[in-house]
Amino acid sequence: MFGTKKEEKNEGSVQVKAARATKNDSIVMIDLNINGVVIKSCMLKEVECKEDGTAHKKGDICYVVNFPSEKANNGKWYNIVWYPLSNADVDDIVRQVKSLL
């Protein structure tokens, strides 16, 4: 039956299929393959942390992955697709992008 088998997350389940540089040096457009599903036009941003956290201090450079989104009639932006990425996933994405560019 569905949901009876406990799934374990496979290491390396997030793969960068393509990376494109933009005019802004802190943004890279990427296509991700997540568990066999390709998500195109994700944005990898390099940002400065604004406050202390568990993994980073204020002023450190951090990386954020934004998934594709659309603007609704109410003027707000909503993700078309989304997947929960761990800090290890984001670090792996950054490593893959650096090797591609």
PDB file of N, CA and C in Angstrom:
ATOM      1  N   MET A   1       0.843  -1.185   0.000  1.00  0.00           N
ATOM      2  CA  MET A   1       0.000   0.000   0.000  1.00  0.00           C
ATOM      3  C   MET A   1       0.882   1.241   0.000  1.00  0.00           C
ATOM      4  N   PHE A   2       0.348   2.349  -0.436  1.00  0.00           N
ATOM      5  CA  PHE A   2       1.118   3.582  -0.512  1.00  0.00           C
ATOM      6  C   PHE A   2       1.460   4.088   0.884  1.00  0.00           C
ATOM      7  N   GLY A   3       2.666   4.561   1.033  1.00  0.00           N
ATOM      8  CA  GLY A   3       3.074   5.186   2.283  1.00  0.00           C
ATOM      9  C   GLY A   3       3.466   4.217   3.379  1.00  0.00           C
ATOM     10  N   THR A   4       3.457   2.913   3.119  1.00  0.00           N
ATOM     11  CA  THR A   4       3.813   1.969   4.165  1.00  0.00           C
ATOM     12  C   THR A   4       5.314   1.714   4.215  1.00  0.00           C
ATOM     13  N   LYS A   5       5.986   1.932   3.110  1.00  0.00           N
ATOM     14  CA  LYS A   5       7.425   1.723   3.063  1.00  0.00           C
ATOM     15  C   LYS A   5       8.131   3.024   3.400  1.00  0.00           C
ATOM     16  N   LYS A   6       9.034   2.975   4.366  1.00  0.00           N
ATOM     17  CA  LYS A   6       9.770   4.170   4.754  1.00  0.00           C
ATOM     18  C   LYS A   6      10.877   4.422   3.733  1.00  0.00           C
ATOM     19  N   GLU A   7      10.848   5.632   3.153  1.00  0.00           N
ATOM     20  CA  GLU A   7      11.856   5.975   2.153  1.00  0.00           C
ATOM     21  C   GLU A   7      13.031   6.663   2.808  1.00  0.00           C
ATOM     22  N   GLU A   8      14.200   6.341   2.329  1.00  0.00           N
ATOM     23  CA  GLU A   8      15.400   7.024   2.777  1.00  0.00           C
ATOM     24  C   GLU A   8      15.872   7.925   1.660  1.00  0.00           C
ATOM     25  N   LYS A   9      16.326   9.120   2.025  1.00  0.00           N
ATOM     26  CA  LYS A   9      16.796  10.064   1.010  1.00  0.00           C
ATOM     27  C   LYS A   9      18.131   9.590   0.458  1.00  0.00           C
ATOM     28  N   ASN A  10      18.196   9.504  -0.846  1.00  0.00           N
ATOM     29  CA  ASN A  10      19.441   9.114  -1.505  1.00  0.00           C
ATOM     30  C   ASN A  10      20.386  10.296  -1.527  1.00  0.00           C
ATOM     31  N   GLU A  11      21.649  10.045  -1.152  1.00  0.00           N
ATOM     32  CA  GLU A  11      22.642  11.101  -1.245  1.00  0.00           C
ATOM     33  C   GLU A  11      22.882  11.420  -2.709  1.00  0.00           C
ATOM     34  N   GLY A  12      23.011  12.675  -3.014  1.00  0.00           N
ATOM     35  CA  GLY A  12      23.244  13.082  -4.382  1.00  0.00           C
ATOM     36  C   GLY A  12      21.989  13.043  -5.227  1.00  0.00           C
ATOM     37  N   SER A  13      20.823  13.146  -4.591  1.00  0.00           N
ATOM     38  CA  SER A  13      19.567  13.086  -5.334  1.00  0.00           C
ATOM     39  C   SER A  13      19.292  14.384  -6.081  1.00  0.00           C
ATOM     40  N   VAL A  14      20.020  15.459  -5.768  1.00  0.00           N
ATOM     41  CA  VAL A  14      19.858  16.742  -6.455  1.00  0.00           C
ATOM     42  C   VAL A  14      21.074  16.947  -7.360  1.00  0.00           C
ATOM     43  N   GLN A  15      20.814  17.033  -8.664  1.00  0.00           N
ATOM     44  CA  GLN A  15      21.893  17.204  -9.625  1.00  0.00           C
ATOM     45  C   GLN A  15      21.640  18.446 -10.461  1.00  0.00           C
ATOM     46  N   VAL A  16      22.681  19.206 -10.714  1.00  0.00           N
ATOM     47  CA  VAL A  16      22.591  20.379 -11.579  1.00  0.00           C
ATOM     48  C   VAL A  16      22.807  19.912 -13.019  1.00  0.00           C
ATOM     49  N   LYS A  17      21.778  20.075 -13.850  1.00  0.00           N
ATOM     50  CA  LYS A  17      21.863  19.650 -15.247  1.00  0.00           C
ATOM     51  C   LYS A  17      22.487  20.731 -16.129  1.00  0.00           C
ATOM     52  N   ALA A  18      22.241  22.015 -15.787  1.00  0.00           N
ATOM     53  CA  ALA A  18      22.791  23.119 -16.574  1.00  0.00           C
ATOM     54  C   ALA A  18      22.917  24.342 -15.666  1.00  0.00           C
ATOM     55  N   ALA A  19      23.892  25.183 -15.969  1.00  0.00           N
ATOM     56  CA  ALA A  19      24.089  26.427 -15.228  1.00  0.00           C
ATOM     57  C   ALA A  19      24.398  27.534 -16.227  1.00  0.00           C
ATOM     58  N   ARG A  20      23.691  28.669 -16.070  1.00  0.00           N
ATOM     59  CA  ARG A  20      23.879  29.800 -16.973  1.00  0.00           C
ATOM     60  C   ARG A  20      24.189  31.054 -16.158  1.00  0.00           C
ATOM     61  N   ALA A  21      25.278  31.703 -16.481  1.00  0.00           N
ATOM     62  CA  ALA A  21      25.638  32.947 -15.808  1.00  0.00           C
ATOM     63  C   ALA A  21      24.699  34.062 -16.261  1.00  0.00           C
ATOM     64  N   THR A  22      24.489  35.059 -15.408  1.00  0.00           N
ATOM     65  CA  THR A  22      23.664  36.215 -15.738  1.00  0.00           C
ATOM     66  C   THR A  22      24.518  37.471 -15.683  1.00  0.00           C
ATOM     67  N   LYS A  23      23.932  38.595 -16.015  1.00  0.00           N
ATOM     68  CA  LYS A  23      24.649  39.866 -15.937  1.00  0.00           C
ATOM     69  C   LYS A  23      25.016  40.190 -14.498  1.00  0.00           C
ATOM     70  N   ASN A  24      24.176  39.767 -13.565  1.00  0.00           N
ATOM     71  CA  ASN A  24      24.436  39.961 -12.143  1.00  0.00           C
ATOM     72  C   ASN A  24      25.354  38.836 -11.662  1.00  0.00           C
ATOM     73  N   ASP A  25      26.527  39.193 -11.146  1.00  0.00           N
ATOM     74  CA  ASP A  25      27.515  38.186 -10.742  1.00  0.00           C
ATOM     75  C   ASP A  25      27.046  37.317  -9.578  1.00  0.00           C
ATOM     76  N   SER A  26      26.059  37.772  -8.825  1.00  0.00           N
ATOM     77  CA  SER A  26      25.617  37.010  -7.656  1.00  0.00           C
ATOM     78  C   SER A  26      24.437  36.088  -7.965  1.00  0.00           C
ATOM     79  N   ILE A  27      24.025  35.988  -9.231  1.00  0.00           N
ATOM     80  CA  ILE A  27      22.895  35.134  -9.613  1.00  0.00           C
ATOM     81  C   ILE A  27      23.302  34.211 -10.765  1.00  0.00           C
ATOM     82  N   VAL A  28      22.955  32.932 -10.627  1.00  0.00           N
ATOM     83  CA  VAL A  28      23.167  31.939 -11.674  1.00  0.00           C
ATOM     84  C   VAL A  28      21.845  31.216 -11.883  1.00  0.00           C
ATOM     85  N   MET A  29      21.432  31.072 -13.128  1.00  0.00           N
ATOM     86  CA  MET A  29      20.224  30.316 -13.457  1.00  0.00           C
ATOM     87  C   MET A  29      20.622  28.854 -13.636  1.00  0.00           C
ATOM     88  N   ILE A  30      19.872  27.955 -13.005  1.00  0.00           N
ATOM     89  CA  ILE A  30      20.230  26.540 -13.042  1.00  0.00           C
ATOM     90  C   ILE A  30      19.005  25.676 -13.357  1.00  0.00           C
ATOM     91  N   ASP A  31      19.265  24.523 -13.942  1.00  0.00           N
ATOM     92  CA  ASP A  31      18.261  23.487 -14.138  1.00  0.00           C
ATOM     93  C   ASP A  31      18.640  22.346 -13.201  1.00  0.00           C
ATOM     94  N   LEU A  32      17.688  21.921 -12.376  1.00  0.00           N
ATOM     95  CA  LEU A  32      17.947  20.880 -11.384  1.00  0.00           C
ATOM     96  C   LEU A  32      17.235  19.588 -11.756  1.00  0.00           C
ATOM     97  N   ASN A  33      17.888  18.474 -11.505  1.00  0.00           N
ATOM     98  CA  ASN A  33      17.271  17.156 -11.601  1.00  0.00           C
ATOM     99  C   ASN A  33      17.139  16.657 -10.167  1.00  0.00           C
ATOM    100  N   ILE A  34      15.894  16.607  -9.672  1.00  0.00           N
ATOM    101  CA  ILE A  34      15.635  16.184  -8.300  1.00  0.00           C
ATOM    102  C   ILE A  34      14.853  14.884  -8.355  1.00  0.00           C
ATOM    103  N   ASN A  35      15.504  13.814  -7.956  1.00  0.00           N
ATOM    104  CA  ASN A  35      14.879  12.484  -7.950  1.00  0.00           C
ATOM    105  C   ASN A  35      14.243  12.146  -9.291  1.00  0.00           C
ATOM    106  N   GLY A  36      14.912  12.504 -10.398  1.00  0.00           N
ATOM    107  CA  GLY A  36      14.427  12.168 -11.730  1.00  0.00           C
ATOM    108  C   GLY A  36      13.497  13.184 -12.362  1.00  0.00           C
ATOM    109  N   VAL A  37      13.142  14.249 -11.638  1.00  0.00           N
ATOM    110  CA  VAL A  37      12.269  15.298 -12.172  1.00  0.00           C
ATOM    111  C   VAL A  37      13.125  16.532 -12.457  1.00  0.00           C
ATOM    112  N   VAL A  38      13.089  17.032 -13.682  1.00  0.00           N
ATOM    113  CA  VAL A  38      13.895  18.200 -14.057  1.00  0.00           C
ATOM    114  C   VAL A  38      13.080  19.468 -13.809  1.00  0.00           C
ATOM    115  N   ILE A  39      13.661  20.381 -13.048  1.00  0.00           N
ATOM    116  CA  ILE A  39      13.048  21.685 -12.775  1.00  0.00           C
ATOM    117  C   ILE A  39      13.946  22.730 -13.420  1.00  0.00           C
ATOM    118  N   LYS A  40      13.402  23.407 -14.420  1.00  0.00           N
ATOM    119  CA  LYS A  40      14.190  24.389 -15.164  1.00  0.00           C
ATOM    120  C   LYS A  40      14.008  25.788 -14.596  1.00  0.00           C
ATOM    121  N   SER A  41      14.985  26.635 -14.833  1.00  0.00           N
ATOM    122  CA  SER A  41      14.967  28.063 -14.485  1.00  0.00           C
ATOM    123  C   SER A  41      14.881  28.323 -12.994  1.00  0.00           C
ATOM    124  N   CYS A  42      15.638  27.567 -12.214  1.00  0.00           N
ATOM    125  CA  CYS A  42      15.803  27.891 -10.800  1.00  0.00           C
ATOM    126  C   CYS A  42      16.898  28.943 -10.701  1.00  0.00           C
ATOM    127  N   MET A  43      16.885  29.686  -9.614  1.00  0.00           N
ATOM    128  CA  MET A  43      17.851  30.756  -9.438  1.00  0.00           C
ATOM    129  C   MET A  43      18.710  30.475  -8.207  1.00  0.00           C
ATOM    130  N   LEU A  44      20.020  30.446  -8.385  1.00  0.00           N
ATOM    131  CA  LEU A  44      20.958  30.303  -7.276  1.00  0.00           C
ATOM    132  C   LEU A  44      21.508  31.687  -6.983  1.00  0.00           C
ATOM    133  N   LYS A  45      21.207  32.204  -5.783  1.00  0.00           N
ATOM    134  CA  LYS A  45      21.639  33.552  -5.403  1.00  0.00           C
ATOM    135  C   LYS A  45      22.702  33.495  -4.319  1.00  0.00           C
ATOM    136  N   GLU A  46      23.647  34.397  -4.435  1.00  0.00           N
ATOM    137  CA  GLU A  46      24.656  34.592  -3.403  1.00  0.00           C
ATOM    138  C   GLU A  46      24.238  35.838  -2.618  1.00  0.00           C
ATOM    139  N   VAL A  47      23.946  35.672  -1.329  1.00  0.00           N
ATOM    140  CA  VAL A  47      23.462  36.780  -0.511  1.00  0.00           C
ATOM    141  C   VAL A  47      24.315  36.921   0.746  1.00  0.00           C
ATOM    142  N   GLU A  48      24.243  38.096   1.345  1.00  0.00           N
ATOM    143  CA  GLU A  48      24.940  38.344   2.604  1.00  0.00           C
ATOM    144  C   GLU A  48      23.954  38.125   3.744  1.00  0.00           C
ATOM    145  N   CYS A  49      24.345  37.305   4.730  1.00  0.00           N
ATOM    146  CA  CYS A  49      23.475  37.022   5.873  1.00  0.00           C
ATOM    147  C   CYS A  49      23.247  38.297   6.675  1.00  0.00           C
ATOM    148  N   LYS A  50      21.989  38.549   7.032  1.00  0.00           N
ATOM    149  CA  LYS A  50      21.644  39.779   7.746  1.00  0.00           C
ATOM    150  C   LYS A  50      21.648  39.618   9.256  1.00  0.00           C
ATOM    151  N   GLU A  51      21.637  38.368   9.741  1.00  0.00           N
ATOM    152  CA  GLU A  51      21.674  38.149  11.186  1.00  0.00           C
ATOM    153  C   GLU A  51      22.362  36.827  11.483  1.00  0.00           C
ATOM    154  N   ASP A  52      22.799  36.670  12.718  1.00  0.00           N
ATOM    155  CA  ASP A  52      23.451  35.430  13.130  1.00  0.00           C
ATOM    156  C   ASP A  52      22.459  34.283  13.125  1.00  0.00           C
ATOM    157  N   GLY A  53      22.929  33.134  12.707  1.00  0.00           N
ATOM    158  CA  GLY A  53      22.110  31.929  12.708  1.00  0.00           C
ATOM    159  C   GLY A  53      22.912  30.764  13.241  1.00  0.00           C
ATOM    160  N   THR A  54      22.374  29.560  13.098  1.00  0.00           N
ATOM    161  CA  THR A  54      23.072  28.389  13.610  1.00  0.00           C
ATOM    162  C   THR A  54      24.284  28.032  12.752  1.00  0.00           C
ATOM    163  N   ALA A  55      24.189  28.249  11.454  1.00  0.00           N
ATOM    164  CA  ALA A  55      25.272  27.864  10.547  1.00  0.00           C
ATOM    165  C   ALA A  55      26.120  29.039  10.076  1.00  0.00           C
ATOM    166  N   HIS A  56      25.561  30.253  10.095  1.00  0.00           N
ATOM    167  CA  HIS A  56      26.263  31.415   9.555  1.00  0.00           C
ATOM    168  C   HIS A  56      26.209  32.580  10.521  1.00  0.00           C
ATOM    169  N   LYS A  57      27.167  33.443  10.389  1.00  0.00           N
ATOM    170  CA  LYS A  57      27.223  34.676  11.180  1.00  0.00           C
ATOM    171  C   LYS A  57      26.808  35.857  10.303  1.00  0.00           C
ATOM    172  N   LYS A  58      26.435  36.941  10.930  1.00  0.00           N
ATOM    173  CA  LYS A  58      26.050  38.147  10.206  1.00  0.00           C
ATOM    174  C   LYS A  58      27.216  38.594   9.329  1.00  0.00           C
ATOM    175  N   GLY A  59      26.918  38.861   8.055  1.00  0.00           N
ATOM    176  CA  GLY A  59      27.938  39.303   7.110  1.00  0.00           C
ATOM    177  C   GLY A  59      28.534  38.183   6.273  1.00  0.00           C
ATOM    178  N   ASP A  60      28.289  36.922   6.651  1.00  0.00           N
ATOM    179  CA  ASP A  60      28.790  35.794   5.858  1.00  0.00           C
ATOM    180  C   ASP A  60      28.060  35.725   4.516  1.00  0.00           C
ATOM    181  N   ILE A  61      28.708  35.112   3.526  1.00  0.00           N
ATOM    182  CA  ILE A  61      28.079  34.877   2.233  1.00  0.00           C
ATOM    183  C   ILE A  61      27.319  33.558   2.309  1.00  0.00           C
ATOM    184  N   CYS A  62      26.045  33.590   1.961  1.00  0.00           N
ATOM    185  CA  CYS A  62      25.179  32.409   1.967  1.00  0.00           C
ATOM    186  C   CYS A  62      24.608  32.213   0.561  1.00  0.00           C
ATOM    187  N   TYR A  63      24.100  31.040   0.310  1.00  0.00           N
ATOM    188  CA  TYR A  63      23.500  30.728  -0.981  1.00  0.00           C
ATOM    189  C   TYR A  63      22.041  30.341  -0.789  1.00  0.00           C
ATOM    190  N   VAL A  64      21.182  30.807  -1.698  1.00  0.00           N
ATOM    191  CA  VAL A  64      19.748  30.553  -1.651  1.00  0.00           C
ATOM    192  C   VAL A  64      19.308  30.039  -3.014  1.00  0.00           C
ATOM    193  N   VAL A  65      18.464  29.020  -3.028  1.00  0.00           N
ATOM    194  CA  VAL A  65      17.889  28.506  -4.271  1.00  0.00           C
ATOM    195  C   VAL A  65      16.435  28.951  -4.338  1.00  0.00           C
ATOM    196  N   ASN A  66      16.094  29.681  -5.397  1.00  0.00           N
ATOM    197  CA  ASN A  66      14.713  30.096  -5.647  1.00  0.00           C
ATOM    198  C   ASN A  66      14.165  29.247  -6.784  1.00  0.00           C
ATOM    199  N   PHE A  67      12.967  28.698  -6.576  1.00  0.00           N
ATOM    200  CA  PHE A  67      12.320  27.890  -7.604  1.00  0.00           C
ATOM    201  C   PHE A  67      11.498  28.794  -8.510  1.00  0.00           C
ATOM    202  N   PRO A  68      11.130  28.316  -9.715  1.00  0.00           N
ATOM    203  CA  PRO A  68      10.353  29.136 -10.654  1.00  0.00           C
ATOM    204  C   PRO A  68       9.031  29.592 -10.017  1.00  0.00           C
ATOM    205  N   SER A  69       8.636  30.825 -10.340  1.00  0.00           N
ATOM    206  CA  SER A  69       7.406  31.372  -9.769  1.00  0.00           C
ATOM    207  C   SER A  69       6.647  32.177 -10.822  1.00  0.00           C
ATOM    208  N   GLU A  70       5.370  32.433 -10.527  1.00  0.00           N
ATOM    209  CA  GLU A  70       4.506  33.233 -11.393  1.00  0.00           C
ATOM    210  C   GLU A  70       3.826  34.302 -10.571  1.00  0.00           C
ATOM    211  N   LYS A  71       3.554  35.432 -11.207  1.00  0.00           N
ATOM    212  CA  LYS A  71       2.831  36.512 -10.538  1.00  0.00           C
ATOM    213  C   LYS A  71       1.332  36.286 -10.730  1.00  0.00           C
ATOM    214  N   ALA A  72       0.590  36.245  -9.630  1.00  0.00           N
ATOM    215  CA  ALA A  72      -0.854  36.011  -9.680  1.00  0.00           C
ATOM    216  C   ALA A  72      -1.590  37.333  -9.908  1.00  0.00           C
ATOM    217  N   ASN A  73      -2.896  37.233 -10.106  1.00  0.00           N
ATOM    218  CA  ASN A  73      -3.721  38.424 -10.331  1.00  0.00           C
ATOM    219  C   ASN A  73      -3.716  39.379  -9.143  1.00  0.00           C
ATOM    220  N   ASN A  74      -3.442  38.860  -7.949  1.00  0.00           N
ATOM    221  CA  ASN A  74      -3.417  39.712  -6.761  1.00  0.00           C
ATOM    222  C   ASN A  74      -2.078  40.436  -6.589  1.00  0.00           C
ATOM    223  N   GLY A  75      -1.147  40.239  -7.511  1.00  0.00           N
ATOM    224  CA  GLY A  75       0.134  40.926  -7.464  1.00  0.00           C
ATOM    225  C   GLY A  75       1.218  40.188  -6.692  1.00  0.00           C
ATOM    226  N   LYS A  76       0.886  39.076  -6.055  1.00  0.00           N
ATOM    227  CA  LYS A  76       1.868  38.307  -5.291  1.00  0.00           C
ATOM    228  C   LYS A  76       2.491  37.239  -6.178  1.00  0.00           C
ATOM    229  N   TRP A  77       3.719  36.854  -5.822  1.00  0.00           N
ATOM    230  CA  TRP A  77       4.443  35.818  -6.554  1.00  0.00           C
ATOM    231  C   TRP A  77       4.284  34.494  -5.829  1.00  0.00           C
ATOM    232  N   TYR A  78       3.995  33.426  -6.587  1.00  0.00           N
ATOM    233  CA  TYR A  78       3.828  32.091  -6.031  1.00  0.00           C
ATOM    234  C   TYR A  78       4.712  31.102  -6.785  1.00  0.00           C
ATOM    235  N   ASN A  79       5.329  30.167  -6.047  1.00  0.00           N
ATOM    236  CA  ASN A  79       6.147  29.134  -6.665  1.00  0.00           C
ATOM    237  C   ASN A  79       5.280  28.228  -7.522  1.00  0.00           C
ATOM    238  N   ILE A  80       5.793  27.868  -8.687  1.00  0.00           N
ATOM    239  CA  ILE A  80       5.129  26.898  -9.547  1.00  0.00           C
ATOM    240  C   ILE A  80       5.432  25.491  -9.041  1.00  0.00           C
ATOM    241  N   VAL A  81       6.661  25.290  -8.623  1.00  0.00           N
ATOM    242  CA  VAL A  81       7.121  24.007  -8.096  1.00  0.00           C
ATOM    243  C   VAL A  81       8.067  24.301  -6.947  1.00  0.00           C
ATOM    244  N   TRP A  82       8.146  23.374  -5.985  1.00  0.00           N
ATOM    245  CA  TRP A  82       9.000  23.581  -4.824  1.00  0.00           C
ATOM    246  C   TRP A  82       9.440  22.240  -4.290  1.00  0.00           C
ATOM    247  N   TYR A  83      10.640  22.181  -3.747  1.00  0.00           N
ATOM    248  CA  TYR A  83      11.168  20.981  -3.111  1.00  0.00           C
ATOM    249  C   TYR A  83      11.993  21.414  -1.907  1.00  0.00           C
ATOM    250  N   PRO A  84      11.815  20.755  -0.764  1.00  0.00           N
ATOM    251  CA  PRO A  84      12.583  21.163   0.427  1.00  0.00           C
ATOM    252  C   PRO A  84      14.051  20.754   0.294  1.00  0.00           C
ATOM    253  N   LEU A  85      14.924  21.733   0.243  1.00  0.00           N
ATOM    254  CA  LEU A  85      16.353  21.482   0.136  1.00  0.00           C
ATOM    255  C   LEU A  85      17.012  21.669   1.494  1.00  0.00           C
ATOM    256  N   SER A  86      17.853  20.738   1.874  1.00  0.00           N
ATOM    257  CA  SER A  86      18.610  20.868   3.113  1.00  0.00           C
ATOM    258  C   SER A  86      19.843  21.740   2.854  1.00  0.00           C
ATOM    259  N   ASN A  87      20.526  22.124   3.919  1.00  0.00           N
ATOM    260  CA  ASN A  87      21.761  22.901   3.764  1.00  0.00           C
ATOM    261  C   ASN A  87      22.805  22.091   2.994  1.00  0.00           C
ATOM    262  N   ALA A  88      22.833  20.786   3.215  1.00  0.00           N
ATOM    263  CA  ALA A  88      23.774  19.924   2.489  1.00  0.00           C
ATOM    264  C   ALA A  88      23.442  19.895   1.004  1.00  0.00           C
ATOM    265  N   ASP A  89      22.139  19.894   0.652  1.00  0.00           N
ATOM    266  CA  ASP A  89      21.729  19.934  -0.749  1.00  0.00           C
ATOM    267  C   ASP A  89      22.199  21.226  -1.414  1.00  0.00           C
ATOM    268  N   VAL A  90      22.008  22.352  -0.736  1.00  0.00           N
ATOM    269  CA  VAL A  90      22.410  23.646  -1.287  1.00  0.00           C
ATOM    270  C   VAL A  90      23.927  23.693  -1.459  1.00  0.00           C
ATOM    271  N   ASP A  91      24.671  23.185  -0.484  1.00  0.00           N
ATOM    272  CA  ASP A  91      26.128  23.146  -0.598  1.00  0.00           C
ATOM    273  C   ASP A  91      26.560  22.288  -1.783  1.00  0.00           C
ATOM    274  N   ASP A  92      25.864  21.172  -1.998  1.00  0.00           N
ATOM    275  CA  ASP A  92      26.169  20.296  -3.126  1.00  0.00           C
ATOM    276  C   ASP A  92      25.849  20.990  -4.450  1.00  0.00           C
ATOM    277  N   ILE A  93      24.745  21.727  -4.508  1.00  0.00           N
ATOM    278  CA  ILE A  93      24.377  22.479  -5.714  1.00  0.00           C
ATOM    279  C   ILE A  93      25.442  23.520  -6.026  1.00  0.00           C
ATOM    280  N   VAL A  94      25.896  24.249  -5.012  1.00  0.00           N
ATOM    281  CA  VAL A  94      26.930  25.278  -5.201  1.00  0.00           C
ATOM    282  C   VAL A  94      28.215  24.633  -5.733  1.00  0.00           C
ATOM    283  N   ARG A  95      28.594  23.492  -5.176  1.00  0.00           N
ATOM    284  CA  ARG A  95      29.798  22.791  -5.624  1.00  0.00           C
ATOM    285  C   ARG A  95      29.661  22.372  -7.090  1.00  0.00           C
ATOM    286  N   GLN A  96      28.501  21.847  -7.463  1.00  0.00           N
ATOM    287  CA  GLN A  96      28.274  21.431  -8.851  1.00  0.00           C
ATOM    288  C   GLN A  96      28.290  22.609  -9.808  1.00  0.00           C
ATOM    289  N   VAL A  97      27.671  23.739  -9.402  1.00  0.00           N
ATOM    290  CA  VAL A  97      27.638  24.928 -10.254  1.00  0.00           C
ATOM    291  C   VAL A  97      29.051  25.458 -10.470  1.00  0.00           C
ATOM    292  N   LYS A  98      29.851  25.489  -9.417  1.00  0.00           N
ATOM    293  CA  LYS A  98      31.227  25.981  -9.549  1.00  0.00           C
ATOM    294  C   LYS A  98      32.038  25.111 -10.499  1.00  0.00           C
ATOM    295  N   SER A  99      31.755  23.821 -10.526  1.00  0.00           N
ATOM    296  CA  SER A  99      32.489  22.941 -11.449  1.00  0.00           C
ATOM    297  C   SER A  99      32.000  23.107 -12.886  1.00  0.00           C
ATOM    298  N   LEU A 100      30.743  23.542 -13.068  1.00  0.00           N
ATOM    299  CA  LEU A 100      30.208  23.735 -14.419  1.00  0.00           C
ATOM    300  C   LEU A 100      30.621  25.063 -15.042  1.00  0.00           C
ATOM    301  N   LEU A 101      30.781  26.095 -14.219  1.00  0.00           N
ATOM    302  CA  LEU A 101      31.092  27.426 -14.763  1.00  0.00           C
ATOM    303  C   LEU A 101      32.558  27.677 -14.862  1.00  0.00           C
TER     304      LEU A 101
END
